[in-house]
Amino acid sequence: MNISPIYEGRPENCGDRIPKEVAVYDLLDSLGIEYSRVDHDAADTIEACLEVEKVIGVGICKNLFVCNRQKTDYYMIMMSGEKPFRTADVSKKLGVSRLSFASSEDMERMLGVTPGSVTVMALKDDRDRRVQLVIDRDIINGEYIRCHPCINTSTLKMKTEDLLRVFLRHTKHTPRIIDI
């Protein structure tokens, strides 16, 4: 896997970047959030994400997009990459009868991202706040968080505090913290 060195902030030239990625950099910059970045081949497996972890120095954060049986309630779950996702356990903690993975069509319609690129940064496009953010306590307890800028060929590292106090306040998403 090809992985760049760590860069501070946005790419110098965004001409070859997709608009939704550039929109993330624009928003983070406008909010005054500092971030580091690595560029890499598509990181769509845990193995690829582990390679990125070696460079960026922050553990994997799985981002899952799920919904209830009726497809009326949607959740983005952020959890440690080393933990298994047990639908029944998380459903019980959320008080939902049964969770399942949401469709790629719903993901694209609601968050503007495709499978493999689900990220907390996509909440910038959930203006109606239809997606409830659920974060594993282990993620919150870390000093830094890592995520994609709406495309899985780059990874960002920022302070967890900035995500919680600045970014999520801006998007008006209040996370629900649970132990997974």
N, C-alpha and C. Protein backbone atom coordinates (compact mmCIF):
# COMPACT_ATOMS: atom_id res chain seq x y z
N MET A 1 0.84 -1.18 0.00
CA MET A 1 0.00 0.00 0.00
C MET A 1 0.88 1.23 0.00
N ASN A 2 0.58 2.18 -0.86
CA ASN A 2 1.29 3.44 -0.91
C ASN A 2 0.69 4.41 0.09
N ILE A 3 1.54 4.96 0.96
CA ILE A 3 1.09 5.92 1.97
C ILE A 3 2.08 7.09 1.98
N SER A 4 1.54 8.29 1.94
CA SER A 4 2.38 9.50 1.95
C SER A 4 2.95 9.73 3.34
N PRO A 5 3.89 10.66 3.43
CA PRO A 5 4.29 11.13 4.76
C PRO A 5 3.13 11.90 5.38
N ILE A 6 3.27 12.30 6.63
CA ILE A 6 2.24 13.10 7.29
C ILE A 6 2.38 14.55 6.86
N TYR A 7 1.25 15.14 6.46
CA TYR A 7 1.18 16.55 6.11
C TYR A 7 0.34 17.27 7.15
N GLU A 8 0.63 18.53 7.36
CA GLU A 8 -0.20 19.36 8.25
C GLU A 8 -1.21 20.09 7.39
N GLY A 9 -2.48 19.89 7.69
CA GLY A 9 -3.55 20.61 7.00
C GLY A 9 -3.86 20.09 5.62
N ARG A 10 -4.56 20.92 4.88
CA ARG A 10 -5.09 20.58 3.56
C ARG A 10 -3.97 20.42 2.53
N PRO A 11 -4.27 19.74 1.42
CA PRO A 11 -3.28 19.63 0.34
C PRO A 11 -2.98 21.02 -0.23
N GLU A 12 -1.75 21.22 -0.69
CA GLU A 12 -1.39 22.50 -1.29
C GLU A 12 -2.21 22.77 -2.54
N ASN A 13 -2.46 21.72 -3.31
CA ASN A 13 -3.24 21.86 -4.54
C ASN A 13 -4.42 20.89 -4.45
N CYS A 14 -5.62 21.44 -4.41
CA CYS A 14 -6.82 20.61 -4.31
C CYS A 14 -7.46 20.35 -5.67
N GLY A 15 -6.77 20.71 -6.74
CA GLY A 15 -7.32 20.57 -8.08
C GLY A 15 -7.68 19.15 -8.47
N ASP A 16 -6.95 18.18 -7.92
CA ASP A 16 -7.24 16.78 -8.27
C ASP A 16 -8.06 16.07 -7.19
N ARG A 17 -8.60 16.82 -6.24
CA ARG A 17 -9.40 16.26 -5.15
C ARG A 17 -10.88 16.40 -5.50
N ILE A 18 -11.69 15.47 -4.98
CA ILE A 18 -13.12 15.54 -5.25
C ILE A 18 -13.75 16.62 -4.38
N PRO A 19 -14.84 17.22 -4.84
CA PRO A 19 -15.46 18.35 -4.11
C PRO A 19 -15.83 18.03 -2.66
N LYS A 20 -16.34 16.83 -2.37
CA LYS A 20 -16.74 16.55 -0.99
C LYS A 20 -15.53 16.47 -0.06
N GLU A 21 -14.37 16.07 -0.57
CA GLU A 21 -13.15 16.07 0.23
C GLU A 21 -12.70 17.50 0.50
N VAL A 22 -12.68 18.32 -0.54
CA VAL A 22 -12.27 19.72 -0.39
C VAL A 22 -13.21 20.44 0.58
N ALA A 23 -14.50 20.10 0.53
CA ALA A 23 -15.47 20.72 1.44
C ALA A 23 -15.13 20.43 2.90
N VAL A 24 -14.60 19.24 3.18
CA VAL A 24 -14.19 18.91 4.55
C VAL A 24 -13.03 19.81 4.96
N TYR A 25 -12.02 19.95 4.10
CA TYR A 25 -10.88 20.82 4.43
C TYR A 25 -11.35 22.26 4.64
N ASP A 26 -12.24 22.72 3.76
CA ASP A 26 -12.76 24.09 3.89
C ASP A 26 -13.45 24.29 5.24
N LEU A 27 -14.28 23.31 5.62
CA LEU A 27 -15.02 23.43 6.88
C LEU A 27 -14.07 23.38 8.08
N LEU A 28 -13.15 22.42 8.10
CA LEU A 28 -12.22 22.32 9.22
C LEU A 28 -11.39 23.60 9.34
N ASP A 29 -10.94 24.13 8.21
CA ASP A 29 -10.15 25.37 8.24
C ASP A 29 -10.99 26.53 8.75
N SER A 30 -12.25 26.62 8.30
CA SER A 30 -13.11 27.73 8.74
C SER A 30 -13.43 27.64 10.23
N LEU A 31 -13.44 26.43 10.78
CA LEU A 31 -13.71 26.23 12.20
C LEU A 31 -12.45 26.36 13.06
N GLY A 32 -11.30 26.51 12.41
CA GLY A 32 -10.04 26.64 13.14
C GLY A 32 -9.55 25.33 13.73
N ILE A 33 -9.96 24.21 13.16
CA ILE A 33 -9.54 22.90 13.66
C ILE A 33 -8.24 22.51 12.96
N GLU A 34 -7.22 22.23 13.75
CA GLU A 34 -5.94 21.77 13.21
C GLU A 34 -6.01 20.27 12.98
N TYR A 35 -5.40 19.82 11.89
CA TYR A 35 -5.42 18.40 11.57
C TYR A 35 -4.18 18.04 10.76
N SER A 36 -3.81 16.78 10.88
CA SER A 36 -2.74 16.20 10.07
C SER A 36 -3.41 15.29 9.06
N ARG A 37 -2.69 14.98 7.99
CA ARG A 37 -3.27 14.19 6.90
C ARG A 37 -2.24 13.28 6.28
N VAL A 38 -2.67 12.07 5.92
CA VAL A 38 -1.88 11.21 5.05
C VAL A 38 -2.77 10.82 3.87
N ASP A 39 -2.14 10.69 2.72
CA ASP A 39 -2.83 10.22 1.52
C ASP A 39 -2.35 8.81 1.25
N HIS A 40 -3.22 8.00 0.67
CA HIS A 40 -2.88 6.59 0.49
C HIS A 40 -3.81 5.95 -0.54
N ASP A 41 -3.48 4.72 -0.88
CA ASP A 41 -4.39 3.94 -1.72
C ASP A 41 -5.68 3.75 -0.92
N ALA A 42 -6.76 3.39 -1.61
CA ALA A 42 -8.05 3.19 -0.94
C ALA A 42 -7.88 2.26 0.25
N ALA A 43 -8.31 2.73 1.42
CA ALA A 43 -8.23 1.95 2.66
C ALA A 43 -9.62 1.40 2.93
N ASP A 44 -9.91 0.27 2.32
CA ASP A 44 -11.25 -0.29 2.45
C ASP A 44 -11.26 -1.64 3.16
N THR A 45 -10.15 -1.97 3.79
CA THR A 45 -10.08 -3.18 4.62
C THR A 45 -9.38 -2.81 5.93
N ILE A 46 -9.58 -3.64 6.94
CA ILE A 46 -8.91 -3.42 8.22
C ILE A 46 -7.39 -3.51 8.03
N GLU A 47 -6.95 -4.41 7.17
CA GLU A 47 -5.51 -4.56 6.93
C GLU A 47 -4.91 -3.27 6.38
N ALA A 48 -5.61 -2.67 5.42
CA ALA A 48 -5.13 -1.41 4.85
C ALA A 48 -5.13 -0.30 5.90
N CYS A 49 -6.16 -0.27 6.72
CA CYS A 49 -6.24 0.74 7.78
C CYS A 49 -5.13 0.56 8.81
N LEU A 50 -4.73 -0.67 9.06
CA LEU A 50 -3.61 -0.93 9.98
C LEU A 50 -2.31 -0.36 9.43
N GLU A 51 -2.13 -0.42 8.12
CA GLU A 51 -0.94 0.16 7.50
C GLU A 51 -0.93 1.68 7.69
N VAL A 52 -2.10 2.31 7.52
CA VAL A 52 -2.21 3.76 7.72
C VAL A 52 -1.93 4.10 9.18
N GLU A 53 -2.41 3.26 10.10
CA GLU A 53 -2.19 3.49 11.53
C GLU A 53 -0.71 3.60 11.86
N LYS A 54 0.12 2.80 11.21
CA LYS A 54 1.57 2.84 11.46
C LYS A 54 2.16 4.20 11.13
N VAL A 55 1.59 4.88 10.16
CA VAL A 55 2.11 6.18 9.75
C VAL A 55 1.49 7.32 10.56
N ILE A 56 0.18 7.29 10.71
CA ILE A 56 -0.50 8.43 11.33
C ILE A 56 -0.49 8.37 12.86
N GLY A 57 -0.28 7.18 13.42
CA GLY A 57 -0.10 7.06 14.86
C GLY A 57 -1.37 7.09 15.69
N VAL A 58 -2.51 6.86 15.09
CA VAL A 58 -3.78 6.80 15.81
C VAL A 58 -4.50 5.54 15.38
N GLY A 59 -5.06 4.82 16.35
CA GLY A 59 -5.75 3.57 16.06
C GLY A 59 -6.95 3.72 15.16
N ILE A 60 -7.35 2.62 14.58
CA ILE A 60 -8.49 2.58 13.66
C ILE A 60 -9.77 2.92 14.41
N CYS A 61 -10.58 3.74 13.77
CA CYS A 61 -11.93 4.03 14.24
C CYS A 61 -12.89 3.51 13.17
N LYS A 62 -13.60 2.43 13.49
CA LYS A 62 -14.61 1.92 12.56
C LYS A 62 -15.79 2.88 12.57
N ASN A 63 -16.33 3.14 11.40
CA ASN A 63 -17.52 3.97 11.26
C ASN A 63 -18.57 3.14 10.54
N LEU A 64 -19.65 2.84 11.23
CA LEU A 64 -20.69 1.98 10.69
C LEU A 64 -21.98 2.78 10.53
N PHE A 65 -22.67 2.57 9.42
CA PHE A 65 -23.93 3.26 9.17
C PHE A 65 -25.03 2.21 9.21
N VAL A 66 -25.87 2.31 10.24
CA VAL A 66 -26.90 1.29 10.47
C VAL A 66 -28.26 1.96 10.66
N CYS A 67 -29.30 1.12 10.64
CA CYS A 67 -30.66 1.65 10.83
C CYS A 67 -31.50 0.61 11.56
N ASN A 68 -32.67 1.05 12.02
CA ASN A 68 -33.59 0.12 12.66
C ASN A 68 -34.35 -0.65 11.57
N ARG A 69 -35.13 -1.62 11.97
CA ARG A 69 -35.84 -2.49 11.04
C ARG A 69 -36.77 -1.70 10.11
N GLN A 70 -37.42 -0.68 10.67
CA GLN A 70 -38.39 0.11 9.90
C GLN A 70 -37.72 1.14 8.97
N LYS A 71 -36.43 1.30 9.11
CA LYS A 71 -35.66 2.29 8.35
C LYS A 71 -36.17 3.71 8.62
N THR A 72 -36.50 3.95 9.89
CA THR A 72 -36.93 5.28 10.30
C THR A 72 -35.87 5.97 11.16
N ASP A 73 -34.99 5.18 11.77
CA ASP A 73 -33.93 5.73 12.62
C ASP A 73 -32.59 5.25 12.09
N TYR A 74 -31.67 6.20 11.90
CA TYR A 74 -30.35 5.89 11.35
C TYR A 74 -29.28 6.28 12.35
N TYR A 75 -28.22 5.51 12.39
CA TYR A 75 -27.14 5.72 13.35
C TYR A 75 -25.78 5.61 12.65
N MET A 76 -24.87 6.47 13.04
CA MET A 76 -23.48 6.31 12.67
C MET A 76 -22.77 5.89 13.95
N ILE A 77 -22.16 4.74 13.91
CA ILE A 77 -21.48 4.21 15.09
C ILE A 77 -19.98 4.31 14.88
N MET A 78 -19.32 4.99 15.81
CA MET A 78 -17.86 5.10 15.80
C MET A 78 -17.33 4.22 16.92
N MET A 79 -16.48 3.27 16.55
CA MET A 79 -15.95 2.36 17.56
C MET A 79 -14.53 1.96 17.21
N SER A 80 -13.83 1.46 18.19
CA SER A 80 -12.46 1.03 18.01
C SER A 80 -12.39 -0.08 16.96
N GLY A 81 -11.40 0.01 16.10
CA GLY A 81 -11.24 -0.97 15.03
C GLY A 81 -10.95 -2.37 15.51
N GLU A 82 -10.46 -2.49 16.73
CA GLU A 82 -10.12 -3.83 17.24
C GLU A 82 -11.31 -4.55 17.88
N LYS A 83 -12.40 -3.83 18.07
CA LYS A 83 -13.57 -4.45 18.69
C LYS A 83 -14.51 -5.02 17.65
N PRO A 84 -15.09 -6.17 17.94
CA PRO A 84 -16.09 -6.70 17.00
C PRO A 84 -17.42 -5.96 17.17
N PHE A 85 -18.14 -5.81 16.08
CA PHE A 85 -19.46 -5.19 16.12
C PHE A 85 -20.49 -6.30 16.28
N ARG A 86 -21.16 -6.31 17.42
CA ARG A 86 -22.21 -7.30 17.68
C ARG A 86 -23.54 -6.56 17.66
N THR A 87 -24.28 -6.77 16.59
CA THR A 87 -25.52 -6.05 16.38
C THR A 87 -26.45 -6.15 17.57
N ALA A 88 -26.63 -7.34 18.11
CA ALA A 88 -27.56 -7.53 19.23
C ALA A 88 -27.15 -6.71 20.44
N ASP A 89 -25.86 -6.67 20.75
CA ASP A 89 -25.38 -5.92 21.90
C ASP A 89 -25.62 -4.42 21.74
N VAL A 90 -25.25 -3.89 20.58
CA VAL A 90 -25.41 -2.46 20.34
C VAL A 90 -26.90 -2.10 20.27
N SER A 91 -27.70 -2.94 19.64
CA SER A 91 -29.15 -2.70 19.57
C SER A 91 -29.73 -2.57 20.97
N LYS A 92 -29.34 -3.47 21.86
CA LYS A 92 -29.84 -3.46 23.24
C LYS A 92 -29.43 -2.16 23.95
N LYS A 93 -28.17 -1.75 23.78
CA LYS A 93 -27.69 -0.54 24.44
C LYS A 93 -28.40 0.71 23.94
N LEU A 94 -28.84 0.67 22.68
CA LEU A 94 -29.54 1.82 22.11
C LEU A 94 -31.05 1.74 22.30
N GLY A 95 -31.53 0.60 22.80
CA GLY A 95 -32.96 0.43 22.99
C GLY A 95 -33.72 0.25 21.68
N VAL A 96 -33.05 -0.35 20.72
CA VAL A 96 -33.63 -0.59 19.40
C VAL A 96 -33.80 -2.09 19.24
N SER A 97 -34.95 -2.51 18.70
CA SER A 97 -35.21 -3.95 18.60
C SER A 97 -34.19 -4.67 17.73
N ARG A 98 -33.84 -4.09 16.61
CA ARG A 98 -32.85 -4.75 15.76
C ARG A 98 -32.21 -3.74 14.82
N LEU A 99 -30.90 -3.71 14.81
CA LEU A 99 -30.16 -2.86 13.88
C LEU A 99 -29.66 -3.70 12.72
N SER A 100 -29.58 -3.08 11.56
CA SER A 100 -28.95 -3.72 10.42
C SER A 100 -28.21 -2.64 9.63
N PHE A 101 -27.33 -3.06 8.76
CA PHE A 101 -26.59 -2.08 7.97
C PHE A 101 -27.54 -1.38 7.02
N ALA A 102 -27.42 -0.07 6.96
CA ALA A 102 -28.26 0.72 6.06
C ALA A 102 -27.77 0.51 4.62
N SER A 103 -28.63 0.78 3.69
CA SER A 103 -28.30 0.58 2.27
C SER A 103 -27.30 1.64 1.80
N SER A 104 -26.58 1.30 0.76
CA SER A 104 -25.64 2.26 0.18
C SER A 104 -26.40 3.46 -0.40
N GLU A 105 -27.63 3.23 -0.87
CA GLU A 105 -28.44 4.33 -1.38
C GLU A 105 -28.79 5.32 -0.26
N ASP A 106 -29.18 4.80 0.91
CA ASP A 106 -29.47 5.67 2.05
C ASP A 106 -28.21 6.40 2.50
N MET A 107 -27.09 5.70 2.48
CA MET A 107 -25.82 6.30 2.88
C MET A 107 -25.47 7.48 1.96
N GLU A 108 -25.62 7.26 0.69
CA GLU A 108 -25.29 8.32 -0.25
C GLU A 108 -26.29 9.47 -0.17
N ARG A 109 -27.56 9.16 -0.03
CA ARG A 109 -28.60 10.19 0.04
C ARG A 109 -28.48 11.03 1.31
N MET A 110 -28.21 10.38 2.44
CA MET A 110 -28.20 11.08 3.72
C MET A 110 -26.85 11.70 4.07
N LEU A 111 -25.77 11.04 3.67
CA LEU A 111 -24.44 11.50 4.09
C LEU A 111 -23.53 11.90 2.92
N GLY A 112 -23.93 11.55 1.71
CA GLY A 112 -23.11 11.92 0.56
C GLY A 112 -21.84 11.12 0.41
N VAL A 113 -21.77 9.95 1.05
CA VAL A 113 -20.58 9.09 0.94
C VAL A 113 -20.99 7.70 0.47
N THR A 114 -20.00 6.95 0.04
CA THR A 114 -20.22 5.59 -0.44
C THR A 114 -19.60 4.59 0.54
N PRO A 115 -20.00 3.31 0.46
CA PRO A 115 -19.42 2.31 1.37
C PRO A 115 -17.89 2.35 1.33
N GLY A 116 -17.30 2.22 2.51
CA GLY A 116 -15.85 2.30 2.64
C GLY A 116 -15.37 3.70 2.98
N SER A 117 -16.26 4.68 2.85
CA SER A 117 -15.88 6.07 3.14
C SER A 117 -16.75 6.71 4.21
N VAL A 118 -17.49 5.90 4.97
CA VAL A 118 -18.32 6.45 6.05
C VAL A 118 -17.39 7.12 7.05
N THR A 119 -17.77 8.32 7.45
CA THR A 119 -16.93 9.12 8.33
C THR A 119 -17.77 10.13 9.09
N VAL A 120 -17.33 10.46 10.27
CA VAL A 120 -18.01 11.48 11.06
C VAL A 120 -18.03 12.82 10.31
N MET A 121 -17.08 13.05 9.43
CA MET A 121 -17.05 14.29 8.65
C MET A 121 -18.28 14.42 7.75
N ALA A 122 -18.90 13.32 7.38
CA ALA A 122 -20.09 13.35 6.52
C ALA A 122 -21.30 13.94 7.23
N LEU A 123 -21.24 14.05 8.55
CA LEU A 123 -22.36 14.65 9.27
C LEU A 123 -22.54 16.12 8.90
N LYS A 124 -21.55 16.72 8.28
CA LYS A 124 -21.69 18.09 7.80
C LYS A 124 -22.83 18.20 6.80
N ASP A 125 -23.15 17.11 6.12
CA ASP A 125 -24.21 17.10 5.12
C ASP A 125 -25.54 16.60 5.66
N ASP A 126 -25.59 16.21 6.91
CA ASP A 126 -26.84 15.75 7.54
C ASP A 126 -27.51 16.94 8.21
N ARG A 127 -27.94 17.87 7.41
CA ARG A 127 -28.48 19.13 7.94
C ARG A 127 -29.80 18.94 8.68
N ASP A 128 -30.54 17.90 8.33
CA ASP A 128 -31.81 17.61 9.02
C ASP A 128 -31.59 16.76 10.28
N ARG A 129 -30.34 16.39 10.53
CA ARG A 129 -29.97 15.58 11.70
C ARG A 129 -30.80 14.31 11.80
N ARG A 130 -30.89 13.60 10.69
CA ARG A 130 -31.60 12.32 10.68
C ARG A 130 -30.71 11.20 11.20
N VAL A 131 -29.40 11.43 11.24
CA VAL A 131 -28.46 10.41 11.68
C VAL A 131 -28.01 10.71 13.10
N GLN A 132 -28.23 9.74 13.99
CA GLN A 132 -27.79 9.87 15.39
C GLN A 132 -26.37 9.34 15.49
N LEU A 133 -25.48 10.13 16.03
CA LEU A 133 -24.09 9.72 16.21
C LEU A 133 -23.96 8.96 17.53
N VAL A 134 -23.38 7.76 17.44
CA VAL A 134 -23.12 6.92 18.61
C VAL A 134 -21.62 6.67 18.65
N ILE A 135 -21.00 6.99 19.78
CA ILE A 135 -19.55 6.84 19.89
C ILE A 135 -19.22 5.93 21.07
N ASP A 136 -18.35 4.98 20.81
CA ASP A 136 -17.85 4.10 21.86
C ASP A 136 -16.98 4.92 22.81
N ARG A 137 -17.17 4.70 24.09
CA ARG A 137 -16.43 5.47 25.11
C ARG A 137 -14.92 5.41 24.90
N ASP A 138 -14.38 4.29 24.42
CA ASP A 138 -12.94 4.19 24.18
C ASP A 138 -12.45 5.23 23.16
N ILE A 139 -13.28 5.53 22.19
CA ILE A 139 -12.92 6.54 21.18
C ILE A 139 -12.87 7.92 21.84
N ILE A 140 -13.85 8.23 22.65
CA ILE A 140 -13.92 9.53 23.34
C ILE A 140 -12.73 9.73 24.27
N ASN A 141 -12.28 8.66 24.87
CA ASN A 141 -11.19 8.76 25.84
C ASN A 141 -9.82 8.98 25.21
N GLY A 142 -9.71 8.79 23.89
CA GLY A 142 -8.44 9.00 23.21
C GLY A 142 -8.16 10.48 22.98
N GLU A 143 -6.90 10.86 22.97
CA GLU A 143 -6.54 12.26 22.73
C GLU A 143 -6.83 12.67 21.29
N TYR A 144 -6.63 11.73 20.36
CA TYR A 144 -6.83 12.01 18.94
C TYR A 144 -7.85 11.05 18.34
N ILE A 145 -8.44 11.52 17.27
CA ILE A 145 -9.37 10.71 16.48
C ILE A 145 -8.85 10.70 15.06
N ARG A 146 -9.13 9.63 14.37
CA ARG A 146 -8.77 9.59 12.96
C ARG A 146 -10.01 9.30 12.15
N CYS A 147 -10.08 9.88 10.97
CA CYS A 147 -11.25 9.69 10.10
C CYS A 147 -10.88 10.05 8.67
N HIS A 148 -11.72 9.65 7.75
CA HIS A 148 -11.54 10.02 6.35
C HIS A 148 -12.22 11.37 6.08
N PRO A 149 -11.72 12.11 5.11
CA PRO A 149 -12.39 13.36 4.71
C PRO A 149 -13.43 13.08 3.60
N CYS A 150 -14.34 12.15 3.87
CA CYS A 150 -15.42 11.76 2.94
C CYS A 150 -14.93 10.97 1.73
N ILE A 151 -13.69 10.50 1.78
CA ILE A 151 -13.13 9.63 0.74
C ILE A 151 -12.05 8.79 1.42
N ASN A 152 -11.98 7.51 1.07
CA ASN A 152 -11.06 6.63 1.81
C ASN A 152 -9.65 6.56 1.22
N THR A 153 -9.24 7.61 0.53
CA THR A 153 -7.86 7.68 0.03
C THR A 153 -7.04 8.72 0.79
N SER A 154 -7.61 9.25 1.84
CA SER A 154 -6.89 10.14 2.77
C SER A 154 -7.40 9.86 4.17
N THR A 155 -6.55 10.10 5.15
CA THR A 155 -6.94 9.94 6.55
C THR A 155 -6.50 11.16 7.31
N LEU A 156 -7.39 11.66 8.17
CA LEU A 156 -7.11 12.83 8.99
C LEU A 156 -6.90 12.43 10.44
N LYS A 157 -6.10 13.21 11.14
CA LYS A 157 -5.88 13.06 12.57
C LYS A 157 -6.15 14.42 13.20
N MET A 158 -7.06 14.44 14.18
CA MET A 158 -7.36 15.69 14.88
C MET A 158 -7.61 15.39 16.34
N LYS A 159 -7.59 16.41 17.16
CA LYS A 159 -7.87 16.22 18.58
C LYS A 159 -9.33 15.84 18.76
N THR A 160 -9.56 14.84 19.59
CA THR A 160 -10.92 14.40 19.90
C THR A 160 -11.73 15.56 20.45
N GLU A 161 -11.10 16.37 21.25
CA GLU A 161 -11.75 17.55 21.84
C GLU A 161 -12.28 18.49 20.76
N ASP A 162 -11.51 18.70 19.69
CA ASP A 162 -11.96 19.56 18.59
C ASP A 162 -13.16 18.95 17.87
N LEU A 163 -13.14 17.64 17.70
CA LEU A 163 -14.28 16.98 17.07
C LEU A 163 -15.53 17.20 17.90
N LEU A 164 -15.42 16.95 19.20
CA LEU A 164 -16.59 17.03 20.07
C LEU A 164 -17.07 18.46 20.29
N ARG A 165 -16.15 19.36 20.60
CA ARG A 165 -16.53 20.70 21.02
C ARG A 165 -16.72 21.71 19.88
N VAL A 166 -16.07 21.43 18.75
CA VAL A 166 -16.15 22.40 17.65
C VAL A 166 -16.93 21.82 16.46
N PHE A 167 -16.45 20.72 15.92
CA PHE A 167 -17.09 20.16 14.71
C PHE A 167 -18.53 19.74 14.98
N LEU A 168 -18.75 18.92 15.99
CA LEU A 168 -20.10 18.43 16.26
C LEU A 168 -21.03 19.55 16.73
N ARG A 169 -20.50 20.51 17.41
CA ARG A 169 -21.33 21.67 17.79
C ARG A 169 -21.78 22.40 16.52
N HIS A 170 -20.87 22.53 15.57
CA HIS A 170 -21.21 23.18 14.30
C HIS A 170 -22.30 22.40 13.54
N THR A 171 -22.19 21.08 13.51
CA THR A 171 -23.18 20.27 12.77
C THR A 171 -24.46 20.06 13.57
N LYS A 172 -24.43 20.44 14.84
CA LYS A 172 -25.57 20.28 15.75
C LYS A 172 -25.93 18.81 16.00
N HIS A 173 -24.90 17.96 16.03
CA HIS A 173 -25.08 16.56 16.38
C HIS A 173 -24.55 16.34 17.80
N THR A 174 -25.41 15.82 18.65
CA THR A 174 -25.01 15.50 20.01
C THR A 174 -24.77 14.00 20.08
N PRO A 175 -23.54 13.58 20.31
CA PRO A 175 -23.27 12.15 20.31
C PRO A 175 -23.84 11.44 21.53
N ARG A 176 -24.21 10.22 21.30
CA ARG A 176 -24.60 9.34 22.40
C ARG A 176 -23.39 8.46 22.67
N ILE A 177 -22.91 8.46 23.90
CA ILE A 177 -21.72 7.71 24.29
C ILE A 177 -22.16 6.41 24.94
N ILE A 178 -21.65 5.29 24.42
CA ILE A 178 -21.97 3.98 25.01
C ILE A 178 -20.67 3.17 25.12
N ASP A 179 -20.73 2.12 25.90
CA ASP A 179 -19.60 1.19 26.00
C ASP A 179 -19.90 0.01 25.07
N ILE A 180 -19.02 -0.16 24.09
CA ILE A 180 -19.19 -1.28 23.14
C ILE A 180 -18.17 -2.35 23.51
